[in-house]
């Protein structure tokens, strides 16, 4: 006991160093026991993204070269259209008559007021006029392979024989419409 009647441990009498060690040990035990009584809770959440249907189209020029009205055979040519649509997206490719006018039964290339008749087809036999699906025209259907992978479609063109026209460059601008 100390002079006040309070019991003093040997550790306290040794300069209080043991008291501090005992206090630290008690704090450590309390912290460890708090971990034993701690609980956990879990939850979940959804992560999602949506990919919308989309298509891109790129085209190339169809250049017939030089036409000769004296040739016994029609002048044929071809070009390609590249359609990039999201994977699995169905699409339809249609062509208009063109800036040269005419009709789907005979489109026209223009050089001023001079015209040269031609047509566009979806088949190499030149039997299925590629148009907008109206009348007796056809469109081309496909399924997207991905926006980074092109579906290449061939356009076949033909200028019929025996068109005696003035010298010059004849042209028409065709619009490709991709519906998806």
Protein backbone atom coordinates (compact mmCIF):
# COMPACT_ATOMS: atom_id res chain seq x y z
CA UNK A 1 0.00 0.00 0.00
CA UNK A 2 1.04 3.48 -0.60
CA UNK A 3 0.88 6.23 1.95
CA UNK A 4 -2.80 6.89 1.20
CA UNK A 5 -3.97 3.38 1.75
CA UNK A 6 -4.15 2.46 -1.92
CA UNK A 7 -2.71 -0.86 -2.91
CA UNK A 8 0.17 -0.47 -5.33
CA UNK A 9 1.29 -3.29 -7.58
CA UNK A 10 4.88 -4.28 -8.00
CA UNK A 11 4.74 -3.03 -11.57
CA UNK A 12 3.68 0.42 -10.43
CA UNK A 13 6.40 0.51 -7.86
CA UNK A 14 8.94 -0.38 -10.52
CA UNK A 15 8.48 3.00 -12.12
CA UNK A 16 5.12 2.60 -13.89
CA UNK A 17 6.58 0.90 -16.94
CA UNK A 18 4.63 -2.28 -16.31
CA UNK A 19 1.43 -0.27 -15.91
CA UNK A 20 1.81 1.12 -19.42
CA UNK A 21 2.49 -2.33 -20.82
CA UNK A 22 -0.59 -3.66 -19.05
CA UNK A 23 -2.72 -0.82 -20.43
CA UNK A 24 -1.49 -1.49 -23.97
CA UNK A 25 -2.23 -5.17 -23.56
CA UNK A 26 -5.77 -4.36 -22.40
CA UNK A 27 -6.35 -2.05 -25.41
CA UNK A 28 -5.07 -4.75 -27.79
CA UNK A 29 -7.35 -7.36 -26.22
CA UNK A 30 -10.31 -5.00 -26.50
CA UNK A 31 -9.56 -4.34 -30.19
CA UNK A 32 -9.25 -8.05 -30.92
CA UNK A 33 -12.50 -8.83 -29.16
CA UNK A 34 -14.25 -6.06 -31.14
CA UNK A 35 -13.24 -7.89 -34.38
CA UNK A 36 -14.76 -11.10 -33.12
CA UNK A 37 -18.12 -9.42 -32.57
CA UNK A 38 -18.07 -7.54 -35.96
CA UNK A 39 -20.46 -8.70 -38.75
CA UNK A 40 -20.56 -8.33 -42.54
CA UNK A 41 -23.30 -7.55 -45.01
CA UNK A 42 -23.30 -8.07 -48.77
CA UNK A 43 -25.35 -6.80 -51.67
CA UNK A 44 -25.33 -6.98 -55.45
CA UNK A 45 -25.82 -4.51 -58.28
CA UNK A 46 -26.34 -4.88 -62.01
CA UNK A 47 -23.87 -3.65 -64.61
CA UNK A 48 -25.25 -3.28 -68.12
CA UNK A 49 -24.75 -1.61 -71.49
CA UNK A 50 -26.96 -1.37 -74.55
CA UNK A 51 -25.75 -1.56 -78.13
CA UNK A 52 -28.18 0.08 -80.51
CA UNK A 53 -28.55 -0.95 -84.13
CA UNK A 54 -26.42 1.20 -86.40
CA UNK A 55 -25.17 1.05 -89.97
CA UNK A 56 -22.56 2.85 -92.05
CA UNK A 57 -22.24 2.74 -95.83
CA UNK A 58 -19.29 3.51 -98.09
CA UNK A 59 -19.36 3.40 -101.87
CA UNK A 60 -17.01 3.23 -104.82
CA UNK A 61 -17.34 4.70 -108.31
CA UNK A 62 -18.68 2.54 -111.11
CA UNK A 63 -16.56 3.58 -114.10
CA UNK A 64 -17.71 1.96 -117.35
CA UNK A 65 -14.73 3.30 -119.26
CA UNK A 66 -15.17 4.23 -122.93
CA UNK A 67 -18.48 3.41 -124.59
CA UNK A 68 -18.66 2.60 -128.31
CA UNK A 69 -22.09 2.70 -129.98
CA UNK A 70 -20.76 0.39 -132.71
CA UNK A 71 -19.97 -2.44 -130.30
CA UNK A 72 -22.10 -5.55 -130.78
CA UNK A 73 -22.20 -6.15 -127.02
CA UNK A 74 -23.39 -4.06 -124.10
CA UNK A 75 -20.76 -2.33 -121.97
CA UNK A 76 -20.69 -3.95 -118.51
CA UNK A 77 -19.10 -2.78 -115.30
CA UNK A 78 -19.30 -3.30 -111.57
CA UNK A 79 -18.48 -1.67 -108.27
CA UNK A 80 -18.98 -2.44 -104.59
CA UNK A 81 -20.90 -1.01 -101.68
CA UNK A 82 -19.62 -1.68 -98.15
CA UNK A 83 -22.27 -1.92 -95.46
CA UNK A 84 -21.15 -2.02 -91.83
CA UNK A 85 -23.98 -2.76 -89.40
CA UNK A 86 -23.98 -3.89 -85.79
CA UNK A 87 -23.63 -7.64 -85.52
CA UNK A 88 -26.89 -9.44 -86.18
CA UNK A 89 -28.76 -6.34 -87.42
CA UNK A 90 -30.80 -7.09 -90.54
CA UNK A 91 -30.55 -4.44 -93.28
CA UNK A 92 -31.84 -3.74 -96.77
CA UNK A 93 -29.89 -1.80 -99.41
CA UNK A 94 -31.87 0.18 -101.98
CA UNK A 95 -30.72 2.37 -104.89
CA UNK A 96 -32.54 5.37 -106.30
CA UNK A 97 -32.94 6.21 -110.01
CA UNK A 98 -30.02 8.64 -109.83
CA UNK A 99 -29.42 12.30 -110.53
CA UNK A 100 -29.53 11.68 -114.28
CA UNK A 101 -33.19 10.85 -114.09
CA UNK A 102 -34.93 8.26 -116.17
CA UNK A 103 -36.73 5.38 -114.52
CA UNK A 104 -35.83 2.06 -113.00
CA UNK A 105 -36.48 0.51 -116.42
CA UNK A 106 -33.73 2.73 -117.85
CA UNK A 107 -31.63 5.11 -115.78
CA UNK A 108 -29.79 7.88 -117.59
CA UNK A 109 -26.29 9.30 -117.48
CA UNK A 110 -26.10 13.00 -118.32
CA UNK A 111 -23.65 15.16 -120.23
CA UNK A 112 -25.37 18.54 -120.29
CA UNK A 113 -28.70 17.84 -121.97
CA UNK A 114 -27.38 14.65 -123.65
CA UNK A 115 -28.36 11.31 -122.11
CA UNK A 116 -26.96 7.80 -122.20
CA UNK A 117 -29.18 4.96 -120.96
CA UNK A 118 -27.81 2.46 -118.44
CA UNK A 119 -29.05 0.35 -115.57
CA UNK A 120 -27.90 -1.21 -112.30
CA UNK A 121 -28.49 -4.80 -111.27
CA UNK A 122 -28.01 -6.94 -108.21
CA UNK A 123 -26.97 -10.00 -110.21
CA UNK A 124 -24.18 -10.70 -112.70
CA UNK A 125 -26.73 -11.97 -115.25
CA UNK A 126 -28.19 -8.41 -115.47
CA UNK A 127 -31.72 -9.73 -114.91
CA UNK A 128 -32.70 -8.17 -111.55
CA UNK A 129 -32.84 -4.36 -111.62
CA UNK A 130 -31.59 -2.96 -108.33
CA UNK A 131 -33.96 -0.26 -107.17
CA UNK A 132 -36.10 0.51 -104.15
CA UNK A 133 -38.28 -2.60 -104.27
CA UNK A 134 -41.11 -0.86 -106.11
CA UNK A 135 -42.49 -2.12 -109.40
CA UNK A 136 -40.30 -4.90 -110.69
CA UNK A 137 -37.13 -3.74 -108.91
CA UNK A 138 -35.22 -5.55 -106.22
CA UNK A 139 -33.28 -4.57 -103.11
CA UNK A 140 -30.45 -6.45 -101.42
CA UNK A 141 -30.91 -7.80 -97.90
CA UNK A 142 -28.19 -8.75 -95.47
CA UNK A 143 -27.28 -9.15 -91.83
CA UNK A 144 -24.65 -7.00 -90.14
CA UNK A 145 -21.33 -8.59 -89.29
CA UNK A 146 -20.32 -5.78 -86.92
CA UNK A 147 -19.50 -2.11 -87.33
CA UNK A 148 -15.85 -3.02 -87.86
CA UNK A 149 -16.60 -5.70 -90.49
CA UNK A 150 -17.98 -4.74 -93.89
CA UNK A 151 -20.59 -6.68 -95.80
CA UNK A 152 -19.44 -6.08 -99.38
CA UNK A 153 -22.20 -6.01 -101.98
CA UNK A 154 -21.48 -5.93 -105.71
CA UNK A 155 -23.43 -3.61 -108.00
CA UNK A 156 -23.50 -4.66 -111.66
CA UNK A 157 -23.99 -2.00 -114.32
CA UNK A 158 -24.75 -2.19 -118.02
CA UNK A 159 -24.98 0.30 -120.91
CA UNK A 160 -27.05 -1.15 -123.80
CA UNK A 161 -25.76 -1.20 -127.39
CA UNK A 162 -26.50 1.22 -130.25
CA UNK A 163 -26.69 4.56 -128.43
CA UNK A 164 -25.18 7.07 -130.84
CA UNK A 165 -24.46 10.06 -128.56
CA UNK A 166 -22.19 13.15 -128.66
CA UNK A 167 -18.64 12.98 -127.26
CA UNK A 168 -18.24 13.76 -123.54
CA UNK A 169 -18.28 12.37 -120.05
CA UNK A 170 -21.70 11.20 -118.88
CA UNK A 171 -22.52 10.73 -115.21
CA UNK A 172 -25.23 10.22 -112.61
CA UNK A 173 -25.10 10.25 -108.84
CA UNK A 174 -26.80 7.23 -107.26
CA UNK A 175 -28.03 7.33 -103.66
CA UNK A 176 -27.72 4.16 -101.59
CA UNK A 177 -30.25 3.87 -98.77
CA UNK A 178 -29.61 1.36 -95.99
CA UNK A 179 -32.70 0.53 -93.93
CA UNK A 180 -32.11 -1.30 -90.65
